[in-house]
Protein backbone atom coordinates (compact mmCIF):
# COMPACT_ATOMS: atom_id res chain seq x y z
CA UNK A 1 -0.38 -19.75 -14.19
CA UNK A 2 0.40 -23.06 -12.43
CA UNK A 3 -2.48 -24.23 -10.22
CA UNK A 4 0.05 -25.56 -7.71
CA UNK A 5 1.83 -22.20 -7.58
CA UNK A 6 -1.48 -20.40 -7.09
CA UNK A 7 -2.57 -22.74 -4.32
CA UNK A 8 0.73 -22.59 -2.44
CA UNK A 9 1.17 -18.82 -2.59
CA UNK A 10 -2.48 -18.32 -1.66
CA UNK A 11 -1.91 -20.62 1.30
CA UNK A 12 1.10 -18.56 2.42
CA UNK A 13 -1.09 -15.49 2.26
CA UNK A 14 -3.74 -17.23 4.35
CA UNK A 15 -1.06 -18.23 6.88
CA UNK A 16 -0.06 -14.64 7.59
CA UNK A 17 -3.65 -13.45 7.27
CA UNK A 18 -5.01 -15.72 10.02
CA UNK A 19 -1.99 -15.21 12.26
CA UNK A 20 -2.78 -11.50 12.10
CA UNK A 21 -6.48 -12.10 12.77
CA UNK A 22 -5.72 -14.26 15.82
CA UNK A 23 -3.41 -11.59 17.23
CA UNK A 24 -5.92 -8.79 16.64
CA UNK A 25 -9.08 -10.51 17.86
CA UNK A 26 -8.12 -13.30 20.25
CA UNK A 27 -4.89 -12.16 21.90
CA UNK A 28 -5.13 -8.39 21.91
CA UNK A 29 -7.79 -8.42 24.63
CA UNK A 30 -5.60 -10.86 26.60
CA UNK A 31 -2.75 -8.37 26.31
CA UNK A 32 -5.02 -5.56 27.51
CA UNK A 33 -6.37 -7.43 30.55
CA UNK A 34 -3.04 -8.97 31.58
CA UNK A 35 -0.16 -6.58 30.94
CA UNK A 36 -0.91 -3.44 28.96
CA UNK A 37 -2.25 -1.63 32.03
CA UNK A 38 -0.16 -3.29 34.69
CA UNK A 39 1.14 -0.74 37.19
CA UNK A 40 2.43 -1.10 40.76
CA UNK A 41 -0.67 0.33 42.45
CA UNK A 42 -3.22 1.15 39.76
CA UNK A 43 -5.71 -1.65 40.21
CA UNK A 44 -8.84 0.51 40.02
CA UNK A 45 -7.48 2.65 37.19
CA UNK A 46 -6.59 -0.53 35.32
CA UNK A 47 -10.09 -1.95 35.69
CA UNK A 48 -11.56 1.35 34.49
CA UNK A 49 -9.27 1.47 31.47
CA UNK A 50 -9.94 -2.18 30.63
CA UNK A 51 -13.65 -1.40 30.47
CA UNK A 52 -13.11 1.70 28.34
CA UNK A 53 -10.75 -0.03 25.90
CA UNK A 54 -13.05 -3.03 25.55
CA UNK A 55 -16.04 -0.80 24.88
CA UNK A 56 -14.07 1.16 22.29
CA UNK A 57 -12.89 -2.00 20.54
CA UNK A 58 -16.40 -3.46 20.35
CA UNK A 59 -17.94 -0.16 19.21
CA UNK A 60 -15.30 0.43 16.53
CA UNK A 61 -15.60 -3.09 15.17
CA UNK A 62 -19.40 -3.08 15.09
CA UNK A 63 -19.50 0.30 13.31
CA UNK A 64 -16.76 -0.78 10.89
CA UNK A 65 -18.61 -3.98 10.03
CA UNK A 66 -21.34 -2.01 8.28
CA UNK A 67 -18.72 -0.53 5.95
CA UNK A 68 -17.51 -3.96 4.75
CA UNK A 69 -20.07 -4.27 1.93
CA UNK A 70 -19.01 -0.82 0.69
CA UNK A 71 -15.39 -1.99 0.75
CA UNK A 72 -16.52 -4.98 -1.31
CA UNK A 73 -18.12 -2.66 -3.86
CA UNK A 74 -14.93 -0.60 -3.93
CA UNK A 75 -12.91 -3.71 -4.75
CA UNK A 76 -15.46 -4.88 -7.35
CA UNK A 77 -15.23 -1.51 -9.09
CA UNK A 78 -11.42 -1.60 -9.21
CA UNK A 79 -9.72 -2.10 -12.58
CA UNK A 80 -5.94 -2.03 -12.72
CA UNK A 81 -3.17 -3.78 -14.62
CA UNK A 82 -2.73 -5.99 -11.53
CA UNK A 83 -6.44 -6.91 -11.38
CA UNK A 84 -9.07 -5.82 -8.89
CA UNK A 85 -7.80 -7.62 -5.77
CA UNK A 86 -4.00 -7.35 -5.54
CA UNK A 87 -3.67 -3.58 -4.97
CA UNK A 88 -5.99 -3.83 -1.97
CA UNK A 89 -4.32 -6.97 -0.61
CA UNK A 90 -0.88 -5.35 -0.65
CA UNK A 91 -1.96 -1.92 0.53
CA UNK A 92 -4.10 -3.33 3.32
CA UNK A 93 -1.28 -5.60 4.51
CA UNK A 94 1.26 -2.76 4.72
CA UNK A 95 -0.96 -0.38 6.69
CA UNK A 96 -2.52 -2.99 9.02
CA UNK A 97 0.89 -4.48 9.88
CA UNK A 98 2.26 -1.13 11.02
CA UNK A 99 -0.91 -0.40 13.01
CA UNK A 100 -0.83 -3.82 14.71
CA UNK A 101 2.62 -3.14 16.14
CA UNK A 102 1.44 0.22 17.48
CA UNK A 103 -1.66 -1.10 19.28
CA UNK A 104 0.48 -3.73 21.03
CA UNK A 105 2.44 -0.92 22.67
CA UNK A 106 1.51 1.51 25.42
CA UNK A 107 2.58 4.51 23.34
CA UNK A 108 5.73 5.15 25.39
CA UNK A 109 4.06 4.82 28.79
CA UNK A 110 0.99 6.97 28.11
CA UNK A 111 -1.30 4.38 29.76
CA UNK A 112 0.20 5.35 33.13
CA UNK A 113 1.11 9.02 32.63
CA UNK A 114 -1.63 10.32 30.32
CA UNK A 115 -4.41 7.70 29.98
CA UNK A 116 -6.79 10.04 28.15
CA UNK A 117 -4.15 10.88 25.54
CA UNK A 118 -3.48 7.16 25.22
CA UNK A 119 -7.18 6.45 24.59
CA UNK A 120 -7.36 9.10 21.84
CA UNK A 121 -4.28 7.69 20.09
CA UNK A 122 -5.52 4.16 20.60
CA UNK A 123 -8.86 4.89 18.90
CA UNK A 124 -7.13 6.46 15.90
CA UNK A 125 -4.64 3.62 15.44
CA UNK A 126 -7.14 0.85 16.12
CA UNK A 127 -9.56 2.29 13.54
CA UNK A 128 -6.72 2.36 11.00
CA UNK A 129 -5.72 -1.22 11.89
CA UNK A 130 -9.26 -2.54 11.69
CA UNK A 131 -10.24 -0.79 8.46
CA UNK A 132 -7.01 -1.64 6.64
CA UNK A 133 -7.30 -5.27 7.72
CA UNK A 134 -10.91 -5.27 6.52
CA UNK A 135 -9.83 -4.12 3.06
CA UNK A 136 -7.17 -6.85 3.03
CA UNK A 137 -9.68 -9.44 4.23
CA UNK A 138 -12.34 -8.54 1.66
CA UNK A 139 -9.85 -8.57 -1.22
CA UNK A 140 -8.02 -11.72 -0.09
CA UNK A 141 -11.06 -13.98 0.19
CA UNK A 142 -12.82 -12.22 -2.69
CA UNK A 143 -9.97 -13.48 -4.86
CA UNK A 144 -11.04 -17.13 -4.36
CA UNK A 145 -14.02 -17.35 -6.78
CA UNK A 146 -11.95 -15.61 -9.47
CA UNK A 147 -9.41 -18.46 -9.44
CA UNK A 148 -11.90 -21.15 -10.57
CA UNK A 149 -15.58 -21.64 -11.45
CA UNK A 150 -15.63 -25.34 -10.56
CA UNK A 151 -16.86 -26.34 -7.07
CA UNK A 152 -14.37 -29.20 -6.72
CA UNK A 153 -11.47 -27.01 -7.82
CA UNK A 154 -12.56 -24.30 -5.40
CA UNK A 155 -12.73 -26.91 -2.64
CA UNK A 156 -9.13 -27.93 -3.36
CA UNK A 157 -7.82 -24.36 -3.48
CA UNK A 158 -9.75 -23.30 -0.39
CA UNK A 159 -8.59 -26.42 1.48
CA UNK A 160 -4.95 -25.66 0.76
CA UNK A 161 -5.56 -22.05 1.75
CA UNK A 162 -7.29 -23.17 4.93
CA UNK A 163 -4.31 -25.44 5.59
CA UNK A 164 -2.18 -22.31 5.60
CA UNK A 165 -4.64 -20.31 7.66
CA UNK A 166 -4.94 -23.14 10.18
CA UNK A 167 -1.18 -23.19 10.61
CA UNK A 168 -1.20 -19.42 10.96
CA UNK A 169 -4.07 -19.18 13.41
CA UNK A 170 -3.09 -22.16 15.54
CA UNK A 171 0.62 -21.44 15.30
CA UNK A 172 0.03 -18.22 17.21
CA UNK A 173 -1.12 -20.26 20.21
CA UNK A 174 2.04 -22.38 19.97
CA UNK A 175 4.53 -19.50 19.73
CA UNK A 176 2.72 -16.90 21.85
CA UNK A 177 4.33 -17.73 25.21
CA UNK A 178 7.82 -18.70 23.88
CA UNK A 179 8.02 -15.54 21.74
CA UNK A 180 6.77 -13.36 24.59
CA UNK A 181 9.30 -14.82 27.02
CA UNK A 182 12.16 -14.59 24.48
CA UNK A 183 11.46 -10.95 23.63
CA UNK A 184 11.00 -10.19 27.33
CA UNK A 185 14.51 -11.52 27.93
CA UNK A 186 15.88 -9.36 25.09
CA UNK A 187 13.98 -6.10 25.62
CA UNK A 188 13.16 -6.14 29.35
CA UNK A 189 16.11 -8.27 30.56
CA UNK A 190 13.84 -10.62 32.50
CA UNK A 191 14.66 -14.11 33.68
CA UNK A 192 12.73 -17.38 33.60
CA UNK A 193 9.20 -17.46 32.15
CA UNK A 194 8.13 -13.91 33.01
CA UNK A 195 6.09 -12.17 30.29
CA UNK A 196 6.14 -8.39 29.79
CA UNK A 197 4.70 -5.64 27.62
CA UNK A 198 7.96 -5.66 25.68
CA UNK A 199 7.45 -9.37 25.01
CA UNK A 200 3.99 -8.70 23.59
CA UNK A 201 5.43 -5.98 21.36
CA UNK A 202 8.02 -8.39 19.96
CA UNK A 203 5.26 -10.92 19.34
CA UNK A 204 3.25 -8.30 17.41
CA UNK A 205 6.26 -7.42 15.24
CA UNK A 206 6.68 -11.07 14.21
CA UNK A 207 2.97 -11.44 13.35
CA UNK A 208 2.95 -8.19 11.36
CA UNK A 209 5.95 -9.40 9.33
CA UNK A 210 4.24 -12.72 8.57
CA UNK A 211 1.12 -10.94 7.34
CA UNK A 212 3.14 -8.67 5.08
CA UNK A 213 5.22 -11.47 3.53
CA UNK A 214 2.11 -13.61 2.99
CA UNK A 215 0.33 -10.82 1.15
CA UNK A 216 3.37 -10.26 -1.05
CA UNK A 217 3.53 -13.95 -2.01
CA UNK A 218 -0.20 -14.05 -2.80
CA UNK A 219 0.08 -11.05 -5.11
CA UNK A 220 3.08 -12.60 -6.84
CA UNK A 221 1.76 -16.14 -7.30
CA UNK A 222 -1.96 -15.88 -8.12
CA UNK A 223 -3.80 -14.88 -11.27
CA UNK A 224 -7.45 -13.92 -11.74
CA UNK A 225 -9.31 -15.97 -14.35
CA UNK A 226 -10.55 -14.34 -17.56
CA UNK A 227 -13.75 -15.74 -19.08
CA UNK A 228 -17.19 -14.66 -20.23
CA UNK A 229 -18.78 -15.31 -16.83
CA UNK A 230 -16.26 -13.13 -14.96
CA UNK A 231 -16.64 -10.38 -17.54
CA UNK A 232 -20.38 -10.24 -16.80
CA UNK A 233 -19.93 -7.34 -14.39
CA UNK A 234 -20.99 -3.75 -14.14
CA UNK A 235 -20.16 -0.89 -11.84
CA UNK A 236 -21.64 -1.54 -8.41
CA UNK A 237 -23.31 1.52 -6.97
CA UNK A 238 -23.45 1.88 -3.22
CA UNK A 239 -27.25 1.95 -3.25
CA UNK A 240 -27.30 -1.50 -4.88
CA UNK A 241 -25.03 -3.19 -2.33
CA UNK A 242 -27.66 -4.32 0.14
CA UNK A 243 -30.01 -5.34 -2.68
CA UNK A 244 -27.26 -7.58 -4.04
CA UNK A 245 -26.78 -9.19 -0.64
CA UNK A 246 -30.38 -9.16 0.57
CA UNK A 247 -31.91 -10.72 -2.54
CA UNK A 248 -29.41 -13.58 -2.54
CA UNK A 249 -31.46 -15.81 -0.23
CA UNK A 250 -28.89 -18.62 -0.10
CA UNK A 251 -26.22 -16.14 0.92
CA UNK A 252 -28.41 -14.79 3.71
CA UNK A 253 -29.32 -18.20 5.16
CA UNK A 254 -25.70 -19.36 5.02
CA UNK A 255 -24.70 -16.12 6.74
CA UNK A 256 -27.20 -16.59 9.56
CA UNK A 257 -26.10 -20.17 10.23
CA UNK A 258 -22.44 -19.18 10.22
CA UNK A 259 -23.00 -16.15 12.46
CA UNK A 260 -24.49 -18.38 15.17
CA UNK A 261 -21.66 -20.88 14.83
CA UNK A 262 -18.86 -18.29 14.69
CA UNK A 263 -20.22 -16.35 17.67
CA UNK A 264 -20.29 -19.49 19.79
CA UNK A 265 -16.92 -20.85 18.70
CA UNK A 266 -15.14 -17.48 18.86
CA UNK A 267 -16.31 -16.95 22.43
CA UNK A 268 -15.05 -20.35 23.54
CA UNK A 269 -11.80 -20.03 21.62
CA UNK A 270 -10.99 -16.65 23.16
CA UNK A 271 -11.61 -17.97 26.68
CA UNK A 272 -9.51 -21.14 26.52
CA UNK A 273 -6.33 -19.22 27.36
CA UNK A 274 -8.09 -17.95 30.52
CA UNK A 275 -9.32 -21.47 31.28
CA UNK A 276 -5.81 -22.91 31.34
CA UNK A 277 -4.40 -20.03 33.34
CA UNK A 278 -7.13 -19.28 35.87
CA UNK A 279 -9.20 -22.49 36.12
CA UNK A 280 -6.68 -25.27 35.56
CA UNK A 281 -3.75 -23.26 36.90
CA UNK A 282 -1.57 -24.55 34.04
CA UNK A 283 -0.74 -21.56 31.82
CA UNK A 284 2.34 -23.32 30.49
CA UNK A 285 0.12 -26.10 29.09
CA UNK A 286 -1.70 -23.66 26.81
CA UNK A 287 1.00 -24.14 24.16
CA UNK A 288 -0.29 -27.71 23.81
CA UNK A 289 -3.61 -26.28 22.70
CA UNK A 290 -1.88 -24.80 19.68
CA UNK A 291 -0.23 -28.13 18.88
CA UNK A 292 -3.52 -30.03 19.15
CA UNK A 293 -5.35 -27.40 17.13
CA UNK A 294 -2.69 -27.37 14.41
CA UNK A 295 -2.46 -31.15 14.00
CA UNK A 296 -6.20 -31.86 14.04
CA UNK A 297 -7.03 -28.73 12.06
CA UNK A 298 -4.62 -29.75 9.32
CA UNK A 299 -6.08 -33.26 9.19
CA UNK A 300 -9.56 -31.79 8.88
CA UNK A 301 -8.54 -29.37 6.13
CA UNK A 302 -6.70 -32.02 4.11
CA UNK A 303 -9.71 -34.34 4.29
CA UNK A 304 -12.27 -31.72 3.24
CA UNK A 305 -12.20 -32.19 -0.57
CA UNK A 306 -12.61 -35.96 -0.14
CA UNK A 307 -15.37 -35.55 2.44
CA UNK A 308 -17.22 -33.14 0.18
CA UNK A 309 -17.16 -35.62 -2.68
CA UNK A 310 -18.19 -38.56 -0.46
CA UNK A 311 -20.96 -37.09 1.69
CA UNK A 312 -21.69 -33.57 0.27
CA UNK A 313 -20.98 -30.20 1.87
CA UNK A 314 -24.19 -30.04 3.87
CA UNK A 315 -23.49 -33.31 5.66
CA UNK A 316 -19.92 -32.22 6.36
CA UNK A 317 -21.36 -29.17 8.14
CA UNK A 318 -23.86 -31.19 10.17
CA UNK A 319 -21.42 -33.96 11.11
CA UNK A 320 -18.89 -31.31 12.15
CA UNK A 321 -21.42 -29.73 14.49
CA UNK A 322 -22.07 -33.15 16.07
CA UNK A 323 -18.33 -33.49 16.75
CA UNK A 324 -18.30 -29.95 18.16
CA UNK A 325 -21.18 -30.74 20.52
CA UNK A 326 -19.37 -33.85 21.80
CA UNK A 327 -16.33 -31.66 22.47
CA UNK A 328 -18.38 -29.18 24.47
CA UNK A 329 -20.00 -31.93 26.54
CA UNK A 330 -16.58 -33.40 27.31
CA UNK A 331 -15.32 -29.95 28.25
CA UNK A 332 -18.21 -29.47 30.67
CA UNK A 333 -17.34 -32.68 32.51
CA UNK A 334 -13.53 -32.34 32.30
CA UNK A 335 -13.17 -30.79 35.74
CA UNK A 336 -9.56 -29.76 36.33
CA UNK A 337 -8.06 -32.41 34.06
CA UNK A 338 -5.63 -30.95 31.54
CA UNK A 339 -5.82 -34.14 29.44
CA UNK A 340 -9.62 -34.07 29.12
CA UNK A 341 -9.53 -30.34 28.39
CA UNK A 342 -7.07 -30.94 25.56
CA UNK A 343 -9.19 -33.76 24.12
CA UNK A 344 -12.30 -31.56 24.27
CA UNK A 345 -10.41 -28.69 22.68
CA UNK A 346 -9.21 -31.03 19.94
CA UNK A 347 -12.76 -32.10 19.06
CA UNK A 348 -13.84 -28.47 18.82
CA UNK A 349 -10.86 -27.54 16.67
CA UNK A 350 -11.16 -30.46 14.27
CA UNK A 351 -14.74 -29.43 13.49
CA UNK A 352 -14.27 -25.68 13.10
CA UNK A 353 -12.07 -25.71 9.93
CA UNK A 354 -14.57 -28.02 8.22
CA UNK A 355 -17.45 -25.68 8.99
CA UNK A 356 -15.39 -22.74 7.77
CA UNK A 357 -14.61 -24.47 4.47
CA UNK A 358 -18.24 -25.46 3.92
CA UNK A 359 -19.32 -21.86 4.47
CA UNK A 360 -16.50 -20.38 2.39
CA UNK A 361 -17.26 -22.63 -0.58
CA UNK A 362 -21.02 -22.17 -0.28
CA UNK A 363 -20.63 -18.38 -0.23
CA UNK A 364 -18.24 -18.61 -3.20
CA UNK A 365 -20.90 -20.54 -5.10
CA UNK A 366 -23.38 -17.82 -4.12
CA UNK A 367 -21.45 -15.55 -6.52
CA UNK A 368 -22.75 -17.51 -9.52
CA UNK A 369 -26.14 -18.06 -7.87
CA UNK A 370 -26.54 -14.31 -7.43
CA UNK A 371 -25.19 -13.67 -10.93
CA UNK A 372 -27.87 -15.84 -12.50
CA UNK A 373 -30.60 -14.48 -10.26
CA UNK A 374 -29.73 -10.77 -10.38
CA UNK A 375 -28.06 -10.51 -13.79
CA UNK A 376 -24.56 -9.33 -12.89
CA UNK A 377 -21.51 -10.71 -11.10
CA UNK A 378 -20.44 -9.28 -7.73
CA UNK A 379 -17.51 -11.23 -6.32
CA UNK A 380 -16.19 -9.01 -3.55
CA UNK A 381 -19.57 -7.75 -2.33
CA UNK A 382 -20.76 -11.36 -1.97
CA UNK A 383 -17.55 -12.55 -0.31
CA UNK A 384 -17.59 -9.67 2.21
CA UNK A 385 -20.36 -11.48 4.05
CA UNK A 386 -18.06 -14.17 5.46
CA UNK A 387 -15.40 -11.84 6.99
CA UNK A 388 -18.19 -9.49 8.08
CA UNK A 389 -19.68 -12.33 10.10
CA UNK A 390 -16.32 -13.32 11.58
CA UNK A 391 -15.73 -9.75 12.73
CA UNK A 392 -19.24 -9.33 14.07
CA UNK A 393 -18.91 -12.60 16.01
CA UNK A 394 -15.45 -11.55 17.18
CA UNK A 395 -16.76 -8.20 18.41
CA UNK A 396 -19.55 -9.80 20.42
CA UNK A 397 -17.21 -12.43 21.84
CA UNK A 398 -14.65 -9.75 22.82
CA UNK A 399 -17.29 -8.00 24.91
CA UNK A 400 -18.33 -11.26 26.55
CA UNK A 401 -14.75 -12.40 27.23
CA UNK A 402 -13.81 -9.07 28.80
CA UNK A 403 -16.96 -9.02 30.96
CA UNK A 404 -16.51 -12.63 32.06
CA UNK A 405 -12.80 -12.17 32.85
CA UNK A 406 -13.31 -9.03 34.91
CA UNK A 407 -16.36 -10.47 36.71
CA UNK A 408 -14.48 -13.63 37.65
CA UNK A 409 -11.37 -11.69 38.75
CA UNK A 410 -9.23 -13.12 35.94
CA UNK A 411 -7.12 -10.00 35.40
CA UNK A 412 -3.61 -8.72 36.09
CA UNK A 413 -1.46 -10.94 38.32
CA UNK A 414 -4.33 -13.11 39.63
CA UNK A 415 -3.79 -16.89 39.73
CA UNK A 416 -6.06 -19.93 39.75
CA UNK A 417 -5.98 -19.90 43.56
CA UNK A 418 -7.56 -16.43 43.59
CA UNK A 419 -10.63 -17.44 41.56
CA UNK A 420 -13.71 -18.51 43.55
CA UNK A 421 -15.92 -21.47 42.65
CA UNK A 422 -18.70 -19.02 41.82
CA UNK A 423 -16.37 -17.19 39.47
CA UNK A 424 -15.38 -20.43 37.75
CA UNK A 425 -19.03 -21.47 37.32
CA UNK A 426 -19.99 -18.09 35.90
CA UNK A 427 -16.99 -18.20 33.57
CA UNK A 428 -17.96 -21.66 32.26
CA UNK A 429 -21.48 -20.45 31.57
CA UNK A 430 -20.12 -17.89 29.11
CA UNK A 431 -17.41 -20.16 27.74
CA UNK A 432 -19.35 -23.41 27.26
CA UNK A 433 -23.12 -23.37 27.80
CA UNK A 434 -24.09 -20.30 25.79
CA UNK A 435 -21.87 -21.21 22.78
CA UNK A 436 -23.20 -24.76 22.78
CA UNK A 437 -26.78 -23.55 22.34
CA UNK A 438 -25.79 -21.17 19.52
CA UNK A 439 -23.93 -23.89 17.61
CA UNK A 440 -26.85 -26.32 17.77
CA UNK A 441 -29.24 -23.66 16.43
CA UNK A 442 -26.71 -22.98 13.66
CA UNK A 443 -26.91 -26.60 12.48
CA UNK A 444 -30.72 -26.48 12.41
CA UNK A 445 -30.72 -23.34 10.23
CA UNK A 446 -28.15 -24.77 7.81
CA UNK A 447 -29.96 -28.09 7.51
CA UNK A 448 -33.37 -26.56 6.78
CA UNK A 449 -32.59 -23.44 4.74
CA UNK A 450 -29.35 -23.83 2.76
CA UNK A 451 -30.16 -25.59 -0.54
CA UNK A 452 -27.26 -24.46 -2.76
CA UNK A 453 -25.57 -27.84 -3.22
CA UNK A 454 -22.59 -28.67 -5.42
CA UNK A 455 -24.92 -30.19 -8.04
CA UNK A 456 -27.15 -27.14 -8.13
CA UNK A 457 -24.12 -24.88 -8.52
CA UNK A 458 -22.90 -26.95 -11.48
CA UNK A 459 -26.27 -26.46 -13.18
CA UNK A 460 -26.08 -22.71 -12.56
CA UNK A 461 -22.61 -22.47 -14.13
CA UNK A 462 -23.85 -24.33 -17.23
CA UNK A 463 -26.80 -21.93 -17.55
CA UNK A 464 -24.45 -18.95 -17.27
CA UNK A 465 -22.10 -20.39 -19.88
CA UNK A 466 -25.03 -20.85 -22.26
CA UNK A 467 -26.28 -17.32 -21.72
CA UNK A 468 -22.86 -15.71 -21.95
CA UNK A 469 -21.44 -17.58 -24.95
CA UNK A 470 -19.41 -15.54 -27.48
CA UNK A 471 -21.37 -12.88 -29.34
CA UNK A 472 -21.13 -14.43 -32.84
CA UNK A 473 -22.08 -18.00 -33.60
CA UNK A 474 -22.23 -19.84 -36.86
CA UNK A 475 -24.88 -22.51 -37.18
CA UNK A 476 -25.60 -24.84 -40.02
CA UNK A 477 -29.17 -25.58 -41.02
CA UNK A 478 -30.17 -28.35 -43.33
CA UNK A 479 -33.35 -28.37 -45.38
CA UNK A 480 -34.71 -30.97 -47.74
CA UNK A 481 -36.07 -29.75 -51.10
CA UNK A 482 -37.73 -31.61 -53.98
CA UNK A 483 -35.96 -31.47 -57.42
CA UNK A 484 -37.97 -31.32 -60.70
CA UNK A 485 -37.02 -34.93 -61.39
CA UNK A 486 -38.49 -36.03 -58.10
CA UNK A 487 -35.14 -36.69 -56.36
CA UNK A 488 -34.54 -35.25 -52.94
CA UNK A 489 -31.61 -32.91 -52.51
CA UNK A 490 -30.16 -31.89 -49.13
CA UNK A 491 -29.42 -28.19 -49.26
CA UNK A 492 -27.18 -26.77 -46.54
CA UNK A 493 -27.11 -23.12 -45.75
CA UNK A 494 -24.70 -21.21 -43.50
CA UNK A 495 -26.51 -18.83 -41.23
CA UNK A 496 -24.67 -16.25 -39.17
CA UNK A 497 -26.47 -15.38 -35.95
CA UNK A 498 -25.56 -12.20 -34.12
CA UNK A 499 -26.35 -12.42 -30.45
CA UNK A 500 -25.20 -10.71 -27.28
CA UNK A 501 -24.93 -12.11 -23.81
CA UNK A 502 -28.15 -11.85 -21.88
CA UNK A 503 -27.15 -10.24 -18.62
CA UNK A 504 -30.55 -9.30 -17.32
CA UNK A 505 -32.34 -12.63 -17.19
CA UNK A 506 -33.59 -13.15 -13.70
CA UNK A 507 -35.38 -16.39 -14.33
CA UNK A 508 -33.57 -18.24 -11.60
CA UNK A 509 -36.08 -18.15 -8.79
CA UNK A 510 -36.36 -19.97 -5.49
């Protein structure tokens, strides 16, 4: 299988994957607070339903998160002619795409006529959407460590994949308003820049199609590696899942650092669309955010393999956080300047992909670290930690964004002129100050506790290769014997040594 083909098709999958994630986590709550519940005179009912829907979304996602490790075990225990990952990638993409379109509708007007019926249907469909996306997410990123055992090669593949995911995630911000307006013209026969529920539905259909096509290309163009290290697996029982995760100390410290970072960044990222609409009063300028994010994010992703080789992964993480902090400080002092807000946003967005790649590659290396330490390989269970954290952070940020938006009056048809100074100050506290503190703590944890460097991972792979060499080896031993005449004769004997891979050595300690 061509490495270029694998990288490109994996990147296409990441493109649709992150476009879907952005729609589900960042923009769905915007749809709910702005237009899903918009009625001529239902202000109080709308506010009540917004609170109920937000609570349901957060509850469902938090409960579902605890099932992710079990989904990882399910994928790890899968053995088919197509490998362990592809059936779940394709199946998850089909189901989640259909469900996404449904949740971006009002179920034929039920929000206004039968809100309770709507809530019941919403819970069912949202659970299906979230769980099927989780299966897709676990299998998609779990595929990465199976494509290569080398840290540099993984960095290259993950960087190309992140290039695709950056285009997918940031592209949503670019096309959101134009697509919404265009579909509003087609379905609702509106004029000008008016956005409608029908426009949001058209937007969801496009994103669902991108996710489906990306998954199909990934399944077609990638191939799992076959070697002794990857064959060092055994059936993962559900009772062993949390032992596998909990005893991998480097995985746990990386997870904690990333949770703090992702929670902070996700909160800010979800609130920027509100900032441009209700604080700056420039909703049309929000498309520029997507352009800035895409350009700088791509530059960051392309530079990652080189940066990793020059300064090491850990320093890339720490330097990225410094850039992020500068962006937050600039945001705090940007006032109502669109230009300064875009510059601040750019600094935050150029840092986030680098942090993501550091974490993704570190967690991928934790597969081999855990394999040496615990005696068996668990790819999907280990890789579930990263999407689990993203979803947990997204759930918390959704609750905060909804609370902050409703408290500040940033709902329905409100404009920047309707928002008080107190509301703006309160909103900035949630959007900027709290995330800034979380991100700084994240850097401290990563700097002090994460010790799984590229060099250490290379040593671990060599140890695994030595332990898991082929079962039969032939070695030649030479011995020197004395002949009756006093001459020395070198006698060589062929010795066949039967050995099996040692899969239970747990000598790798902290």
